[in-house]
């Protein structure tokens, strides 16, 4: 099973995976909410899950923002402020859809696959515009 598929099932059940600051290891908050079969599916790919988390540790704010947008759109992790912004800013919603279309044209056809490998110059310009729009919205709505 793919890493993002397993993670999405964990998140959709209300649990959270995070890096424990005391020892640097991944920890699972609200593990009782996750069905045992999901935990069993996570066990053999734990190394891949660890790699996925590490790959995001050095990511910039723009990339982390796009990850949050995808997770919100897929229903994996909810972000009320992001949802409020994207629902009130139709131009940004349309740009987000165009960004996804650009990635799809580059071969991204599986939401459980990391979108970053399908980016190009065009998608990078779009994601920067989306991030700037989100920051502007957040600053205007403090």
N, C-alpha and C. Protein backbone atom coordinates (compact mmCIF):
# COMPACT_ATOMS: atom_id res chain seq x y z
N UNK A 1 0.84 -1.18 0.00
CA UNK A 1 0.00 0.00 0.00
C UNK A 1 0.89 1.24 0.00
N UNK A 2 0.49 2.26 -0.73
CA UNK A 2 1.28 3.48 -0.85
C UNK A 2 1.29 4.27 0.46
N UNK A 3 2.39 4.94 0.66
CA UNK A 3 2.59 5.73 1.88
C UNK A 3 1.46 6.72 2.12
N UNK A 4 1.14 7.53 1.11
CA UNK A 4 0.09 8.54 1.30
C UNK A 4 -1.29 7.91 1.49
N UNK A 5 -1.51 6.75 0.95
CA UNK A 5 -2.79 6.09 1.17
C UNK A 5 -2.92 5.69 2.64
N UNK A 6 -1.88 5.11 3.19
CA UNK A 6 -1.91 4.72 4.61
C UNK A 6 -2.03 5.96 5.49
N UNK A 7 -1.22 6.98 5.20
CA UNK A 7 -1.30 8.21 6.00
C UNK A 7 -2.69 8.83 5.92
N UNK A 8 -3.28 8.84 4.74
CA UNK A 8 -4.61 9.43 4.60
C UNK A 8 -5.64 8.68 5.45
N UNK A 9 -5.51 7.36 5.52
CA UNK A 9 -6.44 6.60 6.34
C UNK A 9 -6.24 6.91 7.83
N UNK A 10 -5.01 7.12 8.22
CA UNK A 10 -4.74 7.49 9.62
C UNK A 10 -5.35 8.85 9.91
N UNK A 11 -5.09 9.83 9.04
CA UNK A 11 -5.61 11.18 9.25
C UNK A 11 -7.13 11.20 9.22
N UNK A 12 -7.74 10.49 8.26
CA UNK A 12 -9.20 10.51 8.15
C UNK A 12 -9.89 9.90 9.36
N UNK A 13 -9.17 9.06 10.10
CA UNK A 13 -9.74 8.48 11.31
C UNK A 13 -9.52 9.35 12.54
N UNK A 14 -8.91 10.51 12.35
CA UNK A 14 -8.76 11.47 13.45
C UNK A 14 -7.45 11.37 14.21
N UNK A 15 -6.52 10.58 13.73
CA UNK A 15 -5.22 10.47 14.40
C UNK A 15 -4.24 11.43 13.73
N UNK A 16 -3.13 11.64 14.39
CA UNK A 16 -2.11 12.55 13.88
C UNK A 16 -0.74 11.91 14.08
N UNK A 17 0.06 11.96 13.04
CA UNK A 17 1.44 11.50 13.15
C UNK A 17 2.30 12.75 13.24
N UNK A 18 3.22 12.77 14.17
CA UNK A 18 4.08 13.93 14.35
C UNK A 18 5.44 13.47 14.84
N UNK A 19 6.42 14.36 14.71
CA UNK A 19 7.76 14.06 15.18
C UNK A 19 7.85 14.50 16.63
N UNK A 20 8.12 13.55 17.51
CA UNK A 20 8.26 13.83 18.94
C UNK A 20 9.55 14.60 19.16
N UNK A 21 9.44 15.79 19.71
CA UNK A 21 10.62 16.64 19.90
C UNK A 21 11.60 16.06 20.92
N UNK A 22 11.11 15.23 21.83
CA UNK A 22 11.99 14.70 22.88
C UNK A 22 13.00 13.69 22.35
N UNK A 23 12.60 12.90 21.34
CA UNK A 23 13.52 11.88 20.82
C UNK A 23 13.64 11.87 19.29
N UNK A 24 12.88 12.74 18.61
CA UNK A 24 12.98 12.85 17.16
C UNK A 24 12.28 11.74 16.39
N UNK A 25 11.61 10.85 17.10
CA UNK A 25 10.93 9.74 16.42
C UNK A 25 9.50 10.12 16.09
N UNK A 26 8.93 9.42 15.12
CA UNK A 26 7.53 9.64 14.79
C UNK A 26 6.65 9.06 15.89
N UNK A 27 5.58 9.78 16.20
CA UNK A 27 4.64 9.33 17.22
C UNK A 27 3.23 9.44 16.64
N UNK A 28 2.32 8.70 17.23
CA UNK A 28 0.94 8.66 16.75
C UNK A 28 0.02 9.11 17.87
N UNK A 29 -0.65 10.24 17.66
CA UNK A 29 -1.61 10.76 18.62
C UNK A 29 -2.99 10.25 18.24
N UNK A 30 -3.75 9.79 19.22
CA UNK A 30 -5.10 9.23 19.03
C UNK A 30 -5.07 7.92 18.24
N UNK A 31 -4.08 7.10 18.53
CA UNK A 31 -3.94 5.82 17.83
C UNK A 31 -5.17 4.94 18.00
N UNK A 32 -5.89 5.09 19.10
CA UNK A 32 -7.09 4.27 19.35
C UNK A 32 -8.17 4.48 18.30
N UNK A 33 -8.11 5.63 17.60
CA UNK A 33 -9.11 5.93 16.58
C UNK A 33 -8.85 5.21 15.25
N UNK A 34 -7.64 4.69 15.10
CA UNK A 34 -7.24 4.08 13.82
C UNK A 34 -7.54 2.58 13.85
N UNK A 35 -8.26 2.09 12.86
CA UNK A 35 -8.54 0.65 12.80
C UNK A 35 -7.24 -0.17 12.76
N UNK A 36 -7.29 -1.34 13.37
CA UNK A 36 -6.11 -2.18 13.46
C UNK A 36 -5.54 -2.54 12.08
N UNK A 37 -6.41 -2.74 11.09
CA UNK A 37 -5.91 -3.10 9.76
C UNK A 37 -5.10 -1.97 9.13
N UNK A 38 -5.42 -0.71 9.48
CA UNK A 38 -4.64 0.42 8.98
C UNK A 38 -3.27 0.44 9.65
N UNK A 39 -3.25 0.20 10.94
CA UNK A 39 -1.97 0.14 11.66
C UNK A 39 -1.10 -1.00 11.13
N UNK A 40 -1.73 -2.11 10.82
CA UNK A 40 -0.97 -3.24 10.26
C UNK A 40 -0.43 -2.90 8.88
N UNK A 41 -1.18 -2.13 8.11
CA UNK A 41 -0.71 -1.72 6.78
C UNK A 41 0.45 -0.74 6.89
N UNK A 42 0.46 0.06 7.95
CA UNK A 42 1.53 1.04 8.15
C UNK A 42 2.84 0.39 8.59
N UNK A 43 2.75 -0.69 9.31
CA UNK A 43 3.95 -1.30 9.89
C UNK A 43 5.03 -1.65 8.86
N UNK A 44 4.71 -2.38 7.79
CA UNK A 44 5.77 -2.76 6.85
C UNK A 44 6.34 -1.60 6.02
N UNK A 45 5.62 -0.48 5.96
CA UNK A 45 6.12 0.65 5.18
C UNK A 45 6.55 1.81 6.09
N UNK A 46 6.82 1.51 7.34
CA UNK A 46 7.18 2.58 8.27
C UNK A 46 8.40 3.36 7.79
N UNK A 47 9.36 2.68 7.19
CA UNK A 47 10.54 3.37 6.64
C UNK A 47 10.16 4.38 5.58
N UNK A 48 9.19 4.02 4.74
CA UNK A 48 8.71 4.95 3.70
C UNK A 48 7.95 6.13 4.32
N UNK A 49 7.20 5.85 5.37
CA UNK A 49 6.50 6.92 6.07
C UNK A 49 7.52 7.89 6.68
N UNK A 50 8.54 7.35 7.28
CA UNK A 50 9.61 8.17 7.85
C UNK A 50 10.26 9.03 6.77
N UNK A 51 10.55 8.44 5.61
CA UNK A 51 11.16 9.18 4.50
C UNK A 51 10.25 10.32 4.03
N UNK A 52 8.94 10.03 3.95
CA UNK A 52 7.99 11.04 3.52
C UNK A 52 8.02 12.23 4.48
N UNK A 53 7.99 11.97 5.77
CA UNK A 53 8.03 13.06 6.75
C UNK A 53 9.33 13.83 6.65
N UNK A 54 10.45 13.14 6.51
CA UNK A 54 11.74 13.81 6.39
C UNK A 54 11.79 14.69 5.14
N UNK A 55 11.15 14.24 4.08
CA UNK A 55 11.18 15.01 2.83
C UNK A 55 10.49 16.36 2.97
N UNK A 56 9.62 16.48 3.96
CA UNK A 56 8.90 17.73 4.16
C UNK A 56 9.57 18.64 5.19
N UNK A 57 10.53 18.13 5.93
CA UNK A 57 11.13 18.93 7.00
C UNK A 57 11.88 20.14 6.46
N UNK A 58 12.50 20.02 5.31
CA UNK A 58 13.25 21.14 4.73
C UNK A 58 12.44 21.90 3.68
N UNK A 59 11.19 21.54 3.50
CA UNK A 59 10.36 22.20 2.48
C UNK A 59 10.09 23.65 2.88
N UNK A 60 9.93 24.48 1.86
CA UNK A 60 9.64 25.89 2.13
C UNK A 60 8.15 26.07 2.43
N UNK A 61 7.79 27.28 2.83
CA UNK A 61 6.41 27.58 3.18
C UNK A 61 5.44 27.39 2.04
N UNK A 62 5.88 27.69 0.83
CA UNK A 62 5.00 27.54 -0.33
C UNK A 62 4.64 26.07 -0.52
N UNK A 63 5.64 25.20 -0.46
CA UNK A 63 5.38 23.77 -0.66
C UNK A 63 4.52 23.20 0.47
N UNK A 64 4.78 23.62 1.69
CA UNK A 64 3.97 23.14 2.82
C UNK A 64 2.52 23.61 2.68
N UNK A 65 2.36 24.82 2.17
CA UNK A 65 1.01 25.34 1.94
C UNK A 65 0.28 24.50 0.89
N UNK A 66 0.97 24.16 -0.18
CA UNK A 66 0.34 23.35 -1.23
C UNK A 66 -0.02 21.96 -0.70
N UNK A 67 0.84 21.40 0.14
CA UNK A 67 0.53 20.10 0.75
C UNK A 67 -0.75 20.22 1.57
N UNK A 68 -0.87 21.30 2.34
CA UNK A 68 -2.09 21.49 3.14
C UNK A 68 -3.32 21.63 2.25
N UNK A 69 -3.16 22.32 1.11
CA UNK A 69 -4.29 22.48 0.20
C UNK A 69 -4.73 21.13 -0.36
N UNK A 70 -3.78 20.31 -0.74
CA UNK A 70 -4.13 18.99 -1.27
C UNK A 70 -4.78 18.14 -0.19
N UNK A 71 -4.23 18.16 1.00
CA UNK A 71 -4.79 17.36 2.09
C UNK A 71 -6.20 17.82 2.42
N UNK A 72 -6.45 19.13 2.36
CA UNK A 72 -7.79 19.66 2.59
C UNK A 72 -8.73 19.20 1.48
N UNK A 73 -8.29 19.35 0.23
CA UNK A 73 -9.14 18.99 -0.91
C UNK A 73 -9.47 17.50 -0.92
N UNK A 74 -8.53 16.68 -0.48
CA UNK A 74 -8.75 15.22 -0.45
C UNK A 74 -9.52 14.78 0.79
N UNK A 75 -9.71 15.67 1.75
CA UNK A 75 -10.42 15.32 2.97
C UNK A 75 -9.56 14.55 3.96
N UNK A 76 -8.25 14.66 3.84
CA UNK A 76 -7.35 13.92 4.73
C UNK A 76 -7.11 14.65 6.03
N UNK A 77 -6.83 15.93 5.93
CA UNK A 77 -6.59 16.77 7.10
C UNK A 77 -7.34 18.07 6.87
N UNK A 78 -8.09 18.48 7.87
CA UNK A 78 -8.93 19.67 7.71
C UNK A 78 -8.22 20.89 8.26
N UNK A 79 -8.39 21.99 7.55
CA UNK A 79 -7.79 23.25 7.92
C UNK A 79 -8.87 24.32 7.70
N UNK A 80 -9.59 24.67 8.76
CA UNK A 80 -10.71 25.60 8.60
C UNK A 80 -10.34 26.95 7.98
N UNK A 81 -9.19 27.51 8.33
CA UNK A 81 -8.79 28.81 7.77
C UNK A 81 -8.51 28.69 6.28
N UNK A 82 -7.83 27.64 5.89
CA UNK A 82 -7.55 27.42 4.47
C UNK A 82 -8.86 27.21 3.73
N UNK A 83 -9.75 26.44 4.31
CA UNK A 83 -11.05 26.18 3.68
C UNK A 83 -11.85 27.47 3.51
N UNK A 84 -11.83 28.32 4.54
CA UNK A 84 -12.54 29.60 4.46
C UNK A 84 -11.99 30.44 3.32
N UNK A 85 -10.65 30.50 3.22
CA UNK A 85 -10.02 31.29 2.16
C UNK A 85 -10.39 30.76 0.77
N UNK A 86 -10.22 29.48 0.55
CA UNK A 86 -10.43 28.93 -0.79
C UNK A 86 -11.90 28.99 -1.19
N UNK A 87 -12.80 28.94 -0.21
CA UNK A 87 -14.24 29.03 -0.52
C UNK A 87 -14.68 30.47 -0.79
N UNK A 88 -13.94 31.44 -0.25
CA UNK A 88 -14.33 32.84 -0.45
C UNK A 88 -13.58 33.51 -1.60
N UNK A 89 -12.53 32.87 -2.09
CA UNK A 89 -11.72 33.45 -3.15
C UNK A 89 -11.79 32.55 -4.38
N UNK A 90 -12.78 32.83 -5.22
CA UNK A 90 -13.03 31.98 -6.40
C UNK A 90 -11.83 31.96 -7.34
N UNK A 91 -11.15 33.10 -7.48
CA UNK A 91 -9.99 33.13 -8.37
C UNK A 91 -8.90 32.17 -7.88
N UNK A 92 -8.69 32.13 -6.57
CA UNK A 92 -7.68 31.21 -6.03
C UNK A 92 -8.13 29.76 -6.19
N UNK A 93 -9.41 29.51 -6.00
CA UNK A 93 -9.93 28.16 -6.19
C UNK A 93 -9.70 27.71 -7.64
N UNK A 94 -9.97 28.61 -8.58
CA UNK A 94 -9.76 28.28 -10.00
C UNK A 94 -8.27 28.06 -10.28
N UNK A 95 -7.41 28.87 -9.68
CA UNK A 95 -5.98 28.71 -9.88
C UNK A 95 -5.50 27.40 -9.29
N UNK A 96 -6.05 27.00 -8.15
CA UNK A 96 -5.71 25.72 -7.54
C UNK A 96 -6.09 24.58 -8.48
N UNK A 97 -7.25 24.69 -9.10
CA UNK A 97 -7.69 23.66 -10.04
C UNK A 97 -6.78 23.64 -11.28
N UNK A 98 -6.40 24.80 -11.76
CA UNK A 98 -5.49 24.87 -12.90
C UNK A 98 -4.12 24.29 -12.55
N UNK A 99 -3.66 24.55 -11.33
CA UNK A 99 -2.38 23.99 -10.86
C UNK A 99 -2.45 22.46 -10.89
N UNK A 100 -3.56 21.90 -10.39
CA UNK A 100 -3.72 20.45 -10.41
C UNK A 100 -3.77 19.92 -11.84
N UNK A 101 -4.42 20.64 -12.73
CA UNK A 101 -4.47 20.23 -14.13
C UNK A 101 -3.08 20.22 -14.75
N UNK A 102 -2.27 21.21 -14.41
CA UNK A 102 -0.90 21.26 -14.91
C UNK A 102 -0.12 20.06 -14.42
N UNK A 103 -0.27 19.72 -13.15
CA UNK A 103 0.41 18.54 -12.62
C UNK A 103 -0.09 17.27 -13.31
N UNK A 104 -1.39 17.21 -13.58
CA UNK A 104 -1.96 16.04 -14.27
C UNK A 104 -1.37 15.90 -15.67
N UNK A 105 -1.19 17.02 -16.36
CA UNK A 105 -0.59 16.98 -17.69
C UNK A 105 0.86 16.49 -17.62
N UNK A 106 1.48 16.70 -16.46
CA UNK A 106 2.86 16.24 -16.25
C UNK A 106 2.92 14.80 -15.72
N UNK A 107 1.75 14.15 -15.58
CA UNK A 107 1.73 12.75 -15.19
C UNK A 107 1.18 12.45 -13.81
N UNK A 108 0.80 13.48 -13.05
CA UNK A 108 0.26 13.23 -11.70
C UNK A 108 -1.20 12.82 -11.82
N UNK A 109 -1.46 11.52 -11.70
CA UNK A 109 -2.83 11.02 -11.86
C UNK A 109 -3.26 10.16 -10.67
N UNK A 110 -2.55 10.26 -9.58
CA UNK A 110 -2.86 9.47 -8.39
C UNK A 110 -2.65 10.34 -7.16
N UNK A 111 -3.72 10.64 -6.45
CA UNK A 111 -3.60 11.52 -5.29
C UNK A 111 -2.71 10.92 -4.20
N UNK A 112 -2.47 9.63 -4.25
CA UNK A 112 -1.61 8.98 -3.26
C UNK A 112 -0.14 8.98 -3.68
N UNK A 113 0.17 9.75 -4.71
CA UNK A 113 1.55 9.89 -5.14
C UNK A 113 1.96 11.34 -4.87
N UNK A 114 3.16 11.54 -4.40
CA UNK A 114 3.66 12.87 -4.06
C UNK A 114 3.68 13.73 -5.32
N UNK A 115 2.97 14.84 -5.26
CA UNK A 115 2.84 15.71 -6.43
C UNK A 115 4.15 16.40 -6.81
N UNK A 116 5.09 16.53 -5.89
CA UNK A 116 6.28 17.35 -6.13
C UNK A 116 7.11 16.87 -7.33
N UNK A 117 7.09 15.59 -7.61
CA UNK A 117 7.88 15.09 -8.73
C UNK A 117 7.29 15.45 -10.09
N UNK A 118 6.08 16.02 -10.10
CA UNK A 118 5.41 16.36 -11.35
C UNK A 118 5.36 17.87 -11.60
N UNK A 119 6.08 18.61 -10.79
CA UNK A 119 6.08 20.06 -10.95
C UNK A 119 6.99 20.50 -12.10
N UNK A 120 6.69 21.67 -12.62
CA UNK A 120 7.53 22.29 -13.63
C UNK A 120 7.47 23.81 -13.42
N UNK A 121 8.08 24.54 -14.32
CA UNK A 121 8.13 26.00 -14.17
C UNK A 121 6.73 26.60 -14.10
N UNK A 122 5.84 26.14 -14.94
CA UNK A 122 4.47 26.66 -14.97
C UNK A 122 3.75 26.40 -13.64
N UNK A 123 3.83 25.19 -13.13
CA UNK A 123 3.15 24.88 -11.87
C UNK A 123 3.79 25.63 -10.70
N UNK A 124 5.09 25.87 -10.77
CA UNK A 124 5.77 26.61 -9.71
C UNK A 124 5.31 28.07 -9.65
N UNK A 125 5.07 28.67 -10.82
CA UNK A 125 4.54 30.04 -10.86
C UNK A 125 3.14 30.06 -10.24
N UNK A 126 2.33 29.07 -10.58
CA UNK A 126 0.96 29.00 -10.05
C UNK A 126 0.95 28.84 -8.53
N UNK A 127 1.78 27.94 -8.04
CA UNK A 127 1.77 27.70 -6.59
C UNK A 127 2.27 28.92 -5.82
N UNK A 128 3.20 29.66 -6.40
CA UNK A 128 3.67 30.89 -5.76
C UNK A 128 2.54 31.90 -5.68
N UNK A 129 1.75 32.04 -6.77
CA UNK A 129 0.61 32.95 -6.77
C UNK A 129 -0.43 32.52 -5.74
N UNK A 130 -0.67 31.23 -5.64
CA UNK A 130 -1.62 30.73 -4.64
C UNK A 130 -1.16 31.06 -3.23
N UNK A 131 0.10 30.83 -2.97
CA UNK A 131 0.65 31.12 -1.65
C UNK A 131 0.53 32.62 -1.33
N UNK A 132 0.88 33.46 -2.28
CA UNK A 132 0.79 34.91 -2.07
C UNK A 132 -0.65 35.33 -1.81
N UNK A 133 -1.58 34.72 -2.51
CA UNK A 133 -3.00 35.03 -2.30
C UNK A 133 -3.45 34.60 -0.91
N UNK A 134 -2.99 33.44 -0.47
CA UNK A 134 -3.35 32.96 0.87
C UNK A 134 -2.78 33.86 1.96
N UNK A 135 -1.54 34.29 1.78
CA UNK A 135 -0.91 35.18 2.77
C UNK A 135 -1.66 36.51 2.81
N UNK A 136 -1.99 37.06 1.64
CA UNK A 136 -2.74 38.31 1.58
C UNK A 136 -4.08 38.17 2.28
N UNK A 137 -4.78 37.08 2.02
CA UNK A 137 -6.08 36.83 2.65
C UNK A 137 -5.92 36.73 4.17
N UNK A 138 -4.92 35.99 4.61
CA UNK A 138 -4.71 35.81 6.05
C UNK A 138 -4.40 37.13 6.71
N UNK A 139 -3.59 37.96 6.08
CA UNK A 139 -3.24 39.25 6.65
C UNK A 139 -4.42 40.21 6.70
N UNK A 140 -5.31 40.11 5.73
CA UNK A 140 -6.50 40.97 5.70
C UNK A 140 -7.59 40.51 6.67
N UNK A 141 -7.51 39.28 7.11
CA UNK A 141 -8.56 38.71 7.95
C UNK A 141 -8.06 38.31 9.33
N UNK A 142 -7.13 39.06 9.85
CA UNK A 142 -6.61 38.78 11.21
C UNK A 142 -7.56 39.27 12.25
